[in-house]
């Protein structure tokens, strides 16, 4: 399986390709560059030449930085979100820039990034605009957001693996502010100190066993009252990566993307990995 990244000639997409190549190297897999042509003009030589140039330029850039990674490229007709979601079916990881595909500098995350993150069939990384050339942090913790027990295992598996590979600490963030009917009911009957203690115990329980599997990873548990989005953004300013689940506690059945992960796409300053287990 390959890491797949969407490219479109924009600086944001080039940043995403650079990050995706590093991730492919860490995972020991290939990198597939995909250009999705929403207009699909196969007969126009000028368009085909421009697309070929974008793909060749991206391949040259990532190949020079990560020569050990096997790089392939493809131009596929169709709307970007549809093409990339289809690519996610066979991808180790799908990577997109937070803007691109016609996006404008200064806007919040583009519609393509949000739609792909919501509908992809596997995990998705959304890479923010960090300038050209990209200035990703060379060091810094991996930050993981944990909501409920069901989503915690895949999130912690990815976060511990990445922290171990990078040789960086792992900060696990869990908040307990208005995160579900059960907790609202509990807070109405218990002092806030007891609720905080219960949330501390919850995080300790869901993390049980992970330190033994990754003894070399330094772990900091961060539990507090407040918005999970605000907490994760606050702790991501120096992070190399933020890892969250596609859904969180209190998520709506049938929803494609939880509110926390959706908001982080728009606001986190670090690359965001949205973990989705394949079924």
Protein backbone atom coordinates (compact mmCIF):
# COMPACT_ATOMS: atom_id res chain seq x y z
CA UNK A 1 0.00 0.00 0.00
CA UNK A 2 1.12 3.56 -0.72
CA UNK A 3 0.78 6.89 0.98
CA UNK A 4 -1.40 8.85 -1.47
CA UNK A 5 -1.26 12.64 -1.69
CA UNK A 6 -3.38 15.03 -3.73
CA UNK A 7 -1.38 17.58 -5.77
CA UNK A 8 -2.57 20.47 -7.93
CA UNK A 9 0.42 22.72 -8.48
CA UNK A 10 -0.31 24.94 -5.47
CA UNK A 11 2.27 25.66 -2.76
CA UNK A 12 -0.02 24.08 -0.17
CA UNK A 13 -0.18 20.87 -2.19
CA UNK A 14 3.61 20.86 -2.57
CA UNK A 15 3.88 21.13 1.22
CA UNK A 16 1.48 18.22 1.58
CA UNK A 17 3.55 16.16 -0.85
CA UNK A 18 6.72 16.93 1.10
CA UNK A 19 5.11 15.84 4.36
CA UNK A 20 3.58 12.76 2.70
CA UNK A 21 6.99 11.70 1.38
CA UNK A 22 8.45 11.90 4.88
CA UNK A 23 5.58 9.84 6.20
CA UNK A 24 6.03 7.27 3.41
CA UNK A 25 9.70 7.00 4.37
CA UNK A 26 8.77 6.48 8.02
CA UNK A 27 6.27 3.79 7.07
CA UNK A 28 8.57 2.13 4.57
CA UNK A 29 6.07 2.32 1.72
CA UNK A 30 5.69 4.04 -1.64
CA UNK A 31 4.24 7.46 -2.41
CA UNK A 32 1.54 8.01 -5.03
CA UNK A 33 0.98 11.55 -6.31
CA UNK A 34 -2.54 12.08 -7.63
CA UNK A 35 -3.85 14.99 -9.65
CA UNK A 36 -7.64 15.07 -9.91
CA UNK A 37 -8.86 16.97 -12.96
CA UNK A 38 -12.40 18.25 -12.31
CA UNK A 39 -12.72 19.61 -15.85
CA UNK A 40 -11.30 16.52 -17.58
CA UNK A 41 -10.17 17.94 -20.92
CA UNK A 42 -8.18 14.99 -22.27
CA UNK A 43 -7.98 16.51 -25.73
CA UNK A 44 -6.39 19.80 -24.66
CA UNK A 45 -2.64 19.43 -24.96
CA UNK A 46 -2.00 22.59 -22.94
CA UNK A 47 -3.92 21.24 -19.95
CA UNK A 48 -2.29 17.85 -20.19
CA UNK A 49 1.15 19.44 -20.40
CA UNK A 50 0.47 21.60 -17.33
CA UNK A 51 -0.74 18.62 -15.31
CA UNK A 52 2.27 16.58 -16.39
CA UNK A 53 4.53 19.46 -15.31
CA UNK A 54 2.90 19.68 -11.86
CA UNK A 55 3.23 15.95 -11.29
CA UNK A 56 6.82 15.86 -12.55
CA UNK A 57 7.76 18.85 -10.39
CA UNK A 58 6.21 17.27 -7.28
CA UNK A 59 7.89 13.93 -8.02
CA UNK A 60 11.27 15.62 -8.46
CA UNK A 61 10.91 17.56 -5.22
CA UNK A 62 9.95 14.61 -3.05
CA UNK A 63 12.37 12.28 -4.82
CA UNK A 64 15.32 14.55 -4.06
CA UNK A 65 14.32 14.80 -0.39
CA UNK A 66 13.36 11.16 0.14
CA UNK A 67 15.35 9.17 -2.47
CA UNK A 68 14.56 5.87 -0.78
CA UNK A 69 10.82 6.28 -1.41
CA UNK A 70 9.34 4.76 -4.57
CA UNK A 71 7.33 7.59 -6.16
CA UNK A 72 4.57 7.17 -8.75
CA UNK A 73 2.14 9.68 -10.21
CA UNK A 74 -1.26 9.66 -11.90
CA UNK A 75 -3.68 12.18 -13.40
CA UNK A 76 -7.26 11.02 -12.93
CA UNK A 77 -10.34 12.79 -14.33
CA UNK A 78 -13.07 13.68 -11.88
CA UNK A 79 -13.87 15.96 -8.93
CA UNK A 80 -10.95 16.01 -6.44
CA UNK A 81 -13.00 14.81 -3.48
CA UNK A 82 -14.42 11.86 -5.45
CA UNK A 83 -11.05 10.87 -6.91
CA UNK A 84 -9.22 11.07 -3.59
CA UNK A 85 -11.89 9.21 -1.64
CA UNK A 86 -11.67 6.43 -4.24
CA UNK A 87 -7.88 6.41 -3.88
CA UNK A 88 -8.23 6.08 -0.10
CA UNK A 89 -9.70 2.58 -0.49
CA UNK A 90 -6.27 1.15 -1.28
CA UNK A 91 -4.07 3.70 0.50
CA UNK A 92 -1.94 3.24 3.59
CA UNK A 93 -2.72 6.91 4.29
CA UNK A 94 -4.36 9.69 2.29
CA UNK A 95 -2.77 13.16 2.56
CA UNK A 96 -4.26 16.48 1.46
CA UNK A 97 -3.35 20.12 1.94
CA UNK A 98 -5.73 22.23 3.97
CA UNK A 99 -6.29 24.36 0.86
CA UNK A 100 -5.63 23.92 -2.82
CA UNK A 101 -7.66 22.76 -5.80
CA UNK A 102 -8.66 26.35 -6.50
CA UNK A 103 -8.42 27.57 -2.89
CA UNK A 104 -7.43 31.13 -2.03
CA UNK A 105 -4.76 32.26 0.42
CA UNK A 106 -6.27 33.41 3.69
CA UNK A 107 -9.34 31.20 3.60
CA UNK A 108 -9.95 28.52 6.18
CA UNK A 109 -9.60 24.89 5.19
CA UNK A 110 -10.96 24.19 1.75
CA UNK A 111 -14.06 22.21 0.98
CA UNK A 112 -12.02 19.43 -0.62
CA UNK A 113 -10.01 18.79 2.54
CA UNK A 114 -13.14 18.67 4.67
CA UNK A 115 -15.04 16.40 2.28
CA UNK A 116 -12.11 14.02 1.85
CA UNK A 117 -11.55 13.82 5.61
CA UNK A 118 -15.24 13.14 6.13
CA UNK A 119 -15.69 10.44 3.49
CA UNK A 120 -12.30 8.72 3.10
CA UNK A 121 -12.27 4.97 3.64
CA UNK A 122 -9.14 5.06 5.77
CA UNK A 123 -7.02 7.50 7.78
CA UNK A 124 -6.42 11.01 6.42
CA UNK A 125 -3.70 13.56 7.15
CA UNK A 126 -4.47 17.23 6.56
CA UNK A 127 -1.34 19.36 6.16
CA UNK A 128 -1.56 23.11 6.87
CA UNK A 129 0.01 25.87 4.82
CA UNK A 130 3.42 26.37 6.44
CA UNK A 131 5.08 28.44 3.73
CA UNK A 132 7.12 27.59 0.66
CA UNK A 133 9.53 25.95 1.20
CA UNK A 134 7.69 24.20 4.02
CA UNK A 135 8.82 24.78 7.60
CA UNK A 136 7.57 21.72 9.43
CA UNK A 137 8.92 21.43 12.99
CA UNK A 138 12.13 19.39 13.09
CA UNK A 139 11.37 18.39 16.67
CA UNK A 140 8.41 18.41 18.99
CA UNK A 141 5.88 16.09 20.58
CA UNK A 142 3.13 14.05 19.02
CA UNK A 143 -0.20 15.21 20.46
CA UNK A 144 -3.12 12.76 20.69
CA UNK A 145 -6.69 13.64 21.51
CA UNK A 146 -8.66 10.95 23.34
CA UNK A 147 -12.42 11.15 23.84
CA UNK A 148 -14.06 7.78 24.31
CA UNK A 149 -12.81 4.25 24.89
CA UNK A 150 -13.97 3.02 21.48
CA UNK A 151 -11.90 5.50 19.48
CA UNK A 152 -8.95 5.58 21.89
CA UNK A 153 -7.27 2.34 20.80
CA UNK A 154 -6.64 3.21 17.12
CA UNK A 155 -5.67 6.78 18.02
CA UNK A 156 -3.19 5.65 20.67
CA UNK A 157 -1.80 2.94 18.39
CA UNK A 158 -0.97 5.51 15.72
CA UNK A 159 0.24 8.14 18.19
CA UNK A 160 2.56 5.79 20.10
CA UNK A 161 3.98 4.35 16.88
CA UNK A 162 4.72 7.80 15.50
CA UNK A 163 6.22 9.09 18.75
CA UNK A 164 8.39 6.00 18.96
CA UNK A 165 9.56 6.35 15.34
CA UNK A 166 10.29 10.06 15.73
CA UNK A 167 11.93 9.64 19.11
CA UNK A 168 9.67 12.34 20.53
CA UNK A 169 7.39 12.53 23.60
CA UNK A 170 3.69 11.83 23.37
CA UNK A 171 1.18 14.22 24.93
CA UNK A 172 -2.24 12.63 25.41
CA UNK A 173 -4.98 15.23 25.84
CA UNK A 174 -8.40 14.51 27.33
CA UNK A 175 -11.00 17.08 28.35
CA UNK A 176 -14.26 16.67 30.22
CA UNK A 177 -16.28 19.75 29.36
CA UNK A 178 -19.79 19.04 27.99
CA UNK A 179 -18.80 15.93 26.11
CA UNK A 180 -21.86 13.74 26.42
CA UNK A 181 -25.21 13.14 28.09
CA UNK A 182 -23.73 10.72 30.62
CA UNK A 183 -21.17 13.24 31.82
CA UNK A 184 -23.74 16.03 32.05
CA UNK A 185 -25.87 13.76 34.20
CA UNK A 186 -22.85 12.87 36.33
CA UNK A 187 -21.75 16.47 36.80
CA UNK A 188 -25.17 17.44 38.08
CA UNK A 189 -24.75 14.95 40.93
CA UNK A 190 -21.04 15.06 41.76
CA UNK A 191 -18.60 17.84 42.69
CA UNK A 192 -16.33 18.86 39.82
CA UNK A 193 -13.29 17.45 41.68
CA UNK A 194 -14.84 13.98 41.63
CA UNK A 195 -15.68 14.30 37.94
CA UNK A 196 -12.06 15.27 37.25
CA UNK A 197 -10.84 12.23 39.20
CA UNK A 198 -13.13 9.99 37.18
CA UNK A 199 -11.82 11.43 33.94
CA UNK A 200 -8.24 10.88 35.15
CA UNK A 201 -9.10 7.25 35.86
CA UNK A 202 -10.76 6.91 32.47
CA UNK A 203 -7.63 8.07 30.65
CA UNK A 204 -5.43 5.82 32.78
CA UNK A 205 -7.64 2.85 31.90
CA UNK A 206 -7.67 3.44 28.15
CA UNK A 207 -3.90 3.94 28.16
CA UNK A 208 -3.24 0.77 30.14
CA UNK A 209 -0.71 -1.41 28.36
CA UNK A 210 0.50 1.12 25.82
CA UNK A 211 3.55 2.21 27.80
CA UNK A 212 4.59 -1.43 28.10
CA UNK A 213 4.33 -1.83 24.31
CA UNK A 214 6.35 1.33 23.71
CA UNK A 215 8.70 1.63 26.70
CA UNK A 216 10.92 4.16 24.95
CA UNK A 217 8.16 6.75 24.55
CA UNK A 218 7.97 9.51 27.15
CA UNK A 219 4.28 10.11 27.88
CA UNK A 220 2.54 13.09 29.43
CA UNK A 221 -1.16 12.82 30.25
CA UNK A 222 -3.07 16.10 30.10
CA UNK A 223 -6.57 16.07 31.59
CA UNK A 224 -8.63 19.15 32.23
CA UNK A 225 -11.97 20.85 31.95
CA UNK A 226 -12.53 22.74 28.73
CA UNK A 227 -13.07 22.50 25.00
CA UNK A 228 -11.22 19.60 23.36
CA UNK A 229 -10.60 21.74 20.29
CA UNK A 230 -9.08 24.59 22.30
CA UNK A 231 -6.96 22.18 24.34
CA UNK A 232 -5.60 20.39 21.28
CA UNK A 233 -4.86 23.63 19.43
CA UNK A 234 -3.10 24.98 22.51
CA UNK A 235 -0.90 21.88 22.79
CA UNK A 236 -0.27 21.63 19.04
CA UNK A 237 1.62 24.89 18.58
CA UNK A 238 4.98 23.13 18.96
CA UNK A 239 3.82 19.67 17.90
CA UNK A 240 4.99 17.68 14.90
CA UNK A 241 1.60 16.05 14.53
CA UNK A 242 -1.86 15.97 16.10
CA UNK A 243 -3.68 12.62 16.11
CA UNK A 244 -7.45 12.31 16.64
CA UNK A 245 -10.23 9.89 15.81
CA UNK A 246 -12.78 10.47 13.09
CA UNK A 247 -15.53 10.42 15.73
CA UNK A 248 -15.55 11.30 19.40
CA UNK A 249 -17.63 10.79 22.49
CA UNK A 250 -21.17 11.91 21.88
CA UNK A 251 -20.76 11.52 18.13
CA UNK A 252 -23.88 11.14 16.04
CA UNK A 253 -24.49 7.72 14.56
CA UNK A 254 -23.98 7.87 10.83
CA UNK A 255 -21.98 11.10 10.96
CA UNK A 256 -18.84 10.99 8.82
CA UNK A 257 -16.67 13.33 10.87
CA UNK A 258 -16.85 14.35 14.51
CA UNK A 259 -17.07 18.00 15.49
CA UNK A 260 -13.61 18.05 17.12
CA UNK A 261 -11.76 16.66 14.11
CA UNK A 262 -13.82 18.88 11.78
CA UNK A 263 -12.90 22.04 13.69
CA UNK A 264 -9.24 21.04 13.96
CA UNK A 265 -9.01 20.83 10.17
CA UNK A 266 -9.73 24.55 10.12
CA UNK A 267 -7.58 25.68 13.00
CA UNK A 268 -4.72 23.39 14.05
CA UNK A 269 -1.26 24.80 13.19
CA UNK A 270 0.25 21.30 12.96
CA UNK A 271 -0.43 18.47 10.51
CA UNK A 272 -3.57 16.63 11.60
CA UNK A 273 -3.93 12.85 11.37
CA UNK A 274 -7.56 11.70 11.49
CA UNK A 275 -7.55 8.00 12.31
CA UNK A 276 -10.27 5.89 10.79
CA UNK A 277 -10.30 2.09 11.16
CA UNK A 278 -11.15 0.13 8.05
CA UNK A 279 -14.22 -2.09 8.21
